Protein backbone atom coordinates (compact mmCIF):
# COMPACT_ATOMS: atom_id res chain seq x y z
CA MET A 1 1.56 13.96 -37.93
CA ALA A 2 -0.46 11.92 -35.46
CA ILE A 3 1.31 9.34 -33.35
CA SER A 4 0.12 5.77 -33.91
CA GLU A 5 -0.38 3.00 -31.34
CA ALA A 6 2.11 0.65 -33.02
CA GLY A 7 4.64 3.43 -33.57
CA SER A 8 4.46 4.55 -29.95
CA ALA A 9 4.89 1.00 -28.66
CA SER A 10 7.84 0.42 -30.98
CA VAL A 11 9.58 3.64 -29.98
CA GLU A 12 8.95 2.98 -26.28
CA TYR A 13 10.31 -0.54 -26.48
CA GLY A 14 13.33 0.61 -28.44
CA LEU A 15 14.19 3.36 -25.98
CA ASP A 16 13.75 1.02 -23.01
CA ALA A 17 16.04 -1.60 -24.54
CA LEU A 18 18.65 0.89 -25.74
CA ASP A 19 22.19 0.23 -24.49
CA LEU A 20 21.08 -2.16 -21.72
CA PRO A 21 23.08 -5.28 -20.86
CA ALA A 22 21.43 -8.62 -21.41
CA VAL A 23 19.99 -10.02 -18.19
CA GLY A 24 19.30 -13.71 -17.79
CA GLN A 25 16.24 -14.99 -15.98
CA GLU A 26 17.17 -16.16 -12.48
CA PRO A 27 15.91 -19.68 -11.66
CA TRP A 28 12.94 -19.53 -9.34
CA ALA A 29 14.50 -21.95 -6.84
CA ARG A 30 17.61 -19.82 -6.51
CA ARG A 31 15.54 -16.68 -6.17
CA LEU A 32 13.37 -18.37 -3.51
CA VAL A 33 16.45 -19.26 -1.48
CA ARG A 34 17.98 -15.82 -1.91
CA VAL A 35 14.84 -13.94 -0.89
CA VAL A 36 13.05 -16.22 1.58
CA VAL A 37 15.88 -17.77 3.60
CA PRO A 38 17.21 -14.46 5.02
CA LYS A 39 13.68 -13.51 6.06
CA LEU A 40 13.16 -16.86 7.80
CA VAL A 41 16.47 -16.53 9.62
CA ALA A 42 15.58 -13.02 10.80
CA VAL A 43 12.16 -14.16 12.00
CA GLY A 44 13.70 -17.14 13.78
CA LEU A 45 16.20 -14.92 15.60
CA LEU A 46 13.43 -12.52 16.59
CA LEU A 47 11.29 -15.35 17.97
CA GLY A 48 14.27 -16.73 19.86
CA VAL A 49 15.01 -13.40 21.52
CA TRP A 50 11.32 -12.95 22.27
CA GLU A 51 11.08 -16.38 23.92
CA LEU A 52 14.26 -15.71 25.87
CA VAL A 53 13.00 -12.38 27.24
CA SER A 54 9.55 -13.69 28.14
CA THR A 55 10.69 -16.90 29.90
CA VAL A 56 14.27 -16.59 31.14
CA PHE A 57 14.07 -13.06 32.53
CA GLY A 58 10.84 -13.69 34.40
CA VAL A 59 8.70 -11.09 32.63
CA PRO A 60 5.04 -11.54 33.66
CA THR A 61 3.31 -13.47 30.89
CA ASP A 62 0.07 -11.55 31.40
CA ARG A 63 1.94 -8.41 30.30
CA PHE A 64 4.45 -9.88 27.86
CA PRO A 65 3.29 -13.27 26.53
CA SER A 66 5.71 -15.74 25.04
CA PRO A 67 5.58 -16.82 21.38
CA SER A 68 4.11 -20.18 22.47
CA GLN A 69 1.24 -18.39 24.23
CA VAL A 70 0.56 -16.25 21.18
CA TRP A 71 0.62 -19.36 18.98
CA ALA A 72 -1.85 -21.09 21.28
CA GLN A 73 -4.14 -18.07 21.05
CA PHE A 74 -3.79 -18.11 17.27
CA THR A 75 -4.74 -21.77 16.97
CA ASP A 76 -7.75 -21.19 19.22
CA GLN A 77 -8.93 -18.17 17.19
CA TRP A 78 -8.28 -20.04 13.95
CA SER A 79 -10.38 -23.01 15.04
CA GLN A 80 -13.25 -20.61 15.71
CA GLY A 81 -12.87 -19.01 12.27
CA ARG A 82 -12.17 -15.60 13.73
CA VAL A 83 -8.76 -15.19 12.11
CA THR A 84 -9.89 -15.74 8.53
CA GLY A 85 -13.04 -13.73 9.15
CA ALA A 86 -11.11 -10.77 10.55
CA ILE A 87 -8.56 -10.81 7.74
CA GLY A 88 -11.28 -11.05 5.10
CA THR A 89 -13.29 -8.18 6.61
CA SER A 90 -10.26 -5.89 6.88
CA LEU A 91 -9.03 -6.67 3.36
CA LEU A 92 -12.49 -6.03 1.92
CA HIS A 93 -12.78 -2.61 3.58
CA ALA A 94 -9.19 -1.75 2.64
CA ALA A 95 -9.73 -2.75 -1.00
CA GLU A 96 -12.92 -0.71 -1.29
CA GLY A 97 -11.36 2.38 0.24
CA TYR A 98 -8.13 1.99 -1.70
CA ALA A 99 -9.94 1.66 -5.03
CA LEU A 100 -11.86 4.88 -4.33
CA ALA A 101 -8.63 6.59 -3.29
CA ILE A 102 -7.02 5.65 -6.62
CA ALA A 103 -10.08 6.84 -8.54
CA LEU A 104 -9.92 10.21 -6.75
CA GLY A 105 -6.19 10.70 -6.29
CA THR A 106 -4.96 9.80 -9.78
CA PRO A 107 -6.95 12.33 -11.85
CA LEU A 108 -6.51 14.95 -9.15
CA GLY A 109 -2.75 14.40 -9.18
CA LEU A 110 -2.64 14.69 -12.98
CA LEU A 111 -4.66 17.88 -12.80
CA ILE A 112 -2.36 19.42 -10.19
CA ALA A 113 0.74 18.39 -12.12
CA ARG A 114 -0.36 19.70 -15.52
CA VAL A 115 -2.50 22.74 -14.66
CA ARG A 116 -0.54 25.49 -12.92
CA VAL A 117 -3.59 27.29 -11.55
CA VAL A 118 -4.83 24.09 -9.90
CA ARG A 119 -1.38 23.46 -8.44
CA TYR A 120 -1.33 26.92 -6.88
CA ALA A 121 -4.90 26.54 -5.63
CA ILE A 122 -4.94 23.10 -4.00
CA GLY A 123 -1.39 21.73 -4.16
CA SER A 124 -0.63 22.97 -0.66
CA ILE A 125 -3.93 21.55 0.61
CA ILE A 126 -2.95 18.07 -0.56
CA ALA A 127 0.42 18.48 1.16
CA ALA A 128 -1.35 19.52 4.36
CA LEU A 129 -3.66 16.49 4.20
CA LEU A 130 -0.58 14.26 3.99
CA SER A 131 0.57 15.52 7.38
CA LEU A 132 -2.86 15.11 8.96
CA PRO A 133 -3.34 11.78 10.79
CA SER A 134 -6.19 9.98 9.05
CA VAL A 135 -7.60 8.79 12.38
CA VAL A 136 -8.92 12.31 13.05
CA TRP A 137 -11.49 11.77 10.28
CA ALA A 138 -13.14 8.97 12.27
CA LEU A 139 -14.92 11.34 14.65
CA PRO A 140 -16.57 13.65 12.08
CA ALA A 141 -17.32 10.56 9.97
CA LEU A 142 -19.42 9.28 12.87
CA PHE A 143 -21.71 12.28 12.43
CA TRP A 144 -21.78 12.10 8.63
CA PHE A 145 -22.25 8.36 8.11
CA ASN A 146 -23.51 7.21 11.52
CA LEU A 147 -22.39 3.56 11.90
CA SER A 148 -22.60 2.49 8.27
CA PRO A 149 -19.70 0.77 6.45
CA MET A 150 -19.08 4.07 4.63
CA LEU A 151 -17.58 5.39 7.86
CA VAL A 152 -14.58 3.06 7.66
CA ILE A 153 -14.25 3.43 3.89
CA PHE A 154 -14.26 7.21 4.21
CA VAL A 155 -11.42 7.12 6.74
CA VAL A 156 -9.42 4.82 4.44
CA VAL A 157 -9.98 7.12 1.45
CA MET A 158 -8.94 10.21 3.38
CA GLY A 159 -5.81 8.42 4.53
CA ALA A 160 -4.78 7.15 1.10
CA PHE A 161 -5.87 9.56 -1.62
CA PRO A 162 -3.59 12.49 -0.63
CA SER A 163 -0.61 10.16 -0.85
CA ILE A 164 -1.68 8.82 -4.26
CA ALA A 165 -2.33 12.34 -5.56
CA SER A 166 1.02 13.55 -4.25
CA GLY A 167 2.80 10.54 -5.73
CA THR A 168 1.16 11.18 -9.10
CA VAL A 169 2.30 14.81 -9.04
CA ALA A 170 5.86 13.80 -8.18
CA ALA A 171 5.91 11.13 -10.90
CA VAL A 172 4.71 13.56 -13.58
CA ASP A 173 7.10 16.30 -12.42
CA GLN A 174 10.04 13.91 -12.87
CA ILE A 175 9.30 13.23 -16.55
CA PRO A 176 12.26 14.47 -18.62
CA PRO A 177 11.17 17.54 -20.66
CA LEU A 178 12.83 15.97 -23.69
CA LEU A 179 10.16 13.26 -23.79
CA LEU A 180 7.42 15.87 -23.86
CA ARG A 181 9.14 17.74 -26.68
CA VAL A 182 9.55 14.49 -28.63
CA GLY A 183 5.85 13.82 -28.15
CA ASP A 184 5.01 17.27 -29.46
CA ALA A 185 7.21 16.68 -32.49
CA MET A 186 5.43 13.39 -33.19
CA GLY A 187 2.03 15.04 -32.98
CA ALA A 188 0.91 13.83 -29.55
CA ARG A 189 -1.77 16.26 -28.46
CA GLY A 190 -4.58 16.14 -25.91
CA PHE A 191 -5.45 12.63 -24.76
CA ALA A 192 -2.74 11.08 -26.96
CA ARG A 193 -0.14 13.11 -25.06
CA TYR A 194 -1.24 11.51 -21.80
CA ARG A 195 -1.78 8.05 -23.28
CA HIS A 196 1.55 7.73 -25.07
CA ILE A 197 3.92 10.08 -23.26
CA ILE A 198 2.94 11.23 -19.77
CA LEU A 199 1.36 8.10 -18.29
CA PRO A 200 4.00 5.61 -19.52
CA ALA A 201 6.86 7.90 -18.43
CA ALA A 202 5.32 8.49 -15.00
CA LEU A 203 4.43 4.84 -14.37
CA PRO A 204 7.41 3.84 -12.15
CA GLY A 205 6.91 6.83 -9.85
CA TYR A 206 3.15 6.35 -9.90
CA ILE A 207 3.49 2.74 -8.72
CA ALA A 208 5.67 3.95 -5.86
CA GLY A 209 2.88 6.39 -4.93
CA MET A 210 0.33 3.57 -5.11
CA LYS A 211 2.46 1.47 -2.78
CA GLN A 212 2.72 4.32 -0.29
CA GLY A 213 -1.00 4.94 -0.64
CA TRP A 214 -1.71 1.31 0.27
CA SER A 215 0.42 1.66 3.40
CA PHE A 216 -1.54 4.74 4.43
CA SER A 217 -4.86 3.08 3.69
CA TRP A 218 -3.97 -0.03 5.74
CA ARG A 219 -2.88 2.08 8.72
CA SER A 220 -5.99 4.25 8.43
CA LEU A 221 -8.22 1.19 8.37
CA MET A 222 -6.65 -0.26 11.51
CA ALA A 223 -7.12 3.04 13.35
CA ALA A 224 -10.76 3.27 12.25
CA GLU A 225 -11.49 -0.33 13.25
CA ILE A 226 -10.01 0.22 16.70
CA ILE A 227 -12.05 3.38 17.29
CA VAL A 228 -15.35 2.28 15.74
CA GLN A 229 -16.90 -0.79 17.35
CA VAL A 230 -20.15 -1.76 15.60
CA THR A 231 -21.54 -5.12 14.57
CA SER A 232 -22.69 -3.95 11.11
CA LEU A 233 -19.06 -3.29 10.10
CA GLY A 234 -17.99 -6.82 10.91
CA THR A 235 -15.02 -7.88 13.01
CA GLY A 236 -11.74 -6.88 11.43
CA LEU A 237 -8.20 -7.12 12.69
CA GLY A 238 -8.54 -3.76 14.42
CA GLN A 239 -11.61 -4.90 16.35
CA LEU A 240 -9.78 -8.13 17.23
CA LEU A 241 -6.91 -6.08 18.63
CA ASP A 242 -9.27 -3.93 20.67
CA ALA A 243 -11.03 -7.06 21.95
CA GLY A 244 -7.71 -8.17 23.41
CA ARG A 245 -7.38 -4.82 25.16
CA SER A 246 -10.94 -4.91 26.51
CA ASN A 247 -10.54 -8.47 27.84
CA ASP A 248 -7.00 -7.90 29.12
CA GLN A 249 -5.64 -10.61 26.79
CA MET A 250 -2.14 -9.60 25.81
CA ASP A 251 -1.67 -12.77 23.79
CA LEU A 252 -4.67 -11.82 21.65
CA MET A 253 -3.31 -8.30 21.22
CA PHE A 254 0.12 -9.59 20.16
CA MET A 255 -1.51 -12.06 17.79
CA SER A 256 -3.55 -9.28 16.16
CA ILE A 257 -0.52 -7.03 15.77
CA ILE A 258 1.46 -9.83 14.13
CA LEU A 259 -1.41 -10.60 11.75
CA ILE A 260 -1.67 -6.92 10.80
CA LEU A 261 2.04 -6.89 9.98
CA ILE A 262 1.88 -10.18 8.06
CA VAL A 263 -1.06 -9.08 5.91
CA GLY A 264 0.65 -5.79 5.11
CA VAL A 265 3.88 -7.56 4.13
CA LEU A 266 2.05 -10.15 2.01
CA VAL A 267 0.10 -7.52 0.07
CA ASP A 268 3.32 -5.65 -0.64
CA SER A 269 5.21 -8.84 -1.61
CA LEU A 270 2.47 -10.41 -3.75
CA VAL A 271 0.99 -7.31 -5.42
CA PHE A 272 3.20 -4.24 -5.43
CA ALA A 273 6.67 -5.80 -5.46
CA PRO A 274 6.07 -7.91 -8.63
CA LEU A 275 4.35 -4.96 -10.33
CA ASP A 276 7.23 -2.65 -9.46
CA ARG A 277 9.83 -5.18 -10.66
CA ALA A 278 8.03 -5.71 -13.95
CA VAL A 279 7.79 -1.99 -14.69
CA ARG A 280 11.37 -1.27 -13.61
CA ARG A 281 12.67 -4.16 -15.71
CA ARG A 282 10.77 -2.89 -18.73
CA ARG A 283 12.17 0.59 -18.16
CA GLY A 284 15.70 -0.75 -17.81
CA LEU A 285 15.89 0.21 -14.14
CA ALA A 286 16.34 -3.31 -12.71
CA VAL A 287 19.39 -4.64 -14.54
CA ALA A 288 21.93 -6.91 -12.91
């Protein structure tokens, strides 16, 4: 008996909704206050302490600039278009490398999780790559790709794909065996087994692996941009940070670090957090 698309969707929806309390939709204004206000308060306190340390305690501003100095540097860089250009360049390289990492890490993770021989052969290698700092790939990449954009993309891929592969393996390993036996009873074989049973069941854990993979890719990109200084790659946030070091501009360095943090937080908040909430809510894992 072959499993049908409509039947699988109906069974999945029914299981997800089984014995779950009804949850009302929270008004967006209330959610905005609940989520944003604490963050703004924390940032305000941090800026206040920062300003206090840099001005009241007489710390040299050329070594520890005040928030007002960093803001002045930001407005100057913004007026020159360097801020938007650096963010756009870094996001483009990160997106390209991250997409390749997903394309490599996802099927490899499925293969390791479902084929025992492959797990024994390369599972430990993937674990070893996770502990290897991705920045070490920048030096051999210089010999392989010279100063082409592939150099940075390669470093990003090597930093992200082991995490995505490992996350995929963990997500598949955590699938309850009962679901697999139910799929067998319903006739799910071959591709249908992955399409209707394995992939939907592993989705929450897989998204967590994707989120971790993005963090690794973003960190790898910043390390590569700091090490590799070449015009053909464009000026990203990492190059902007290194420019502050080269010119002894601590305010530029602080500004670059803050922008790197902000971009990372925004990507997580606008992309991965909503995706994770939607999947968890559908699976009944985000009830009130």
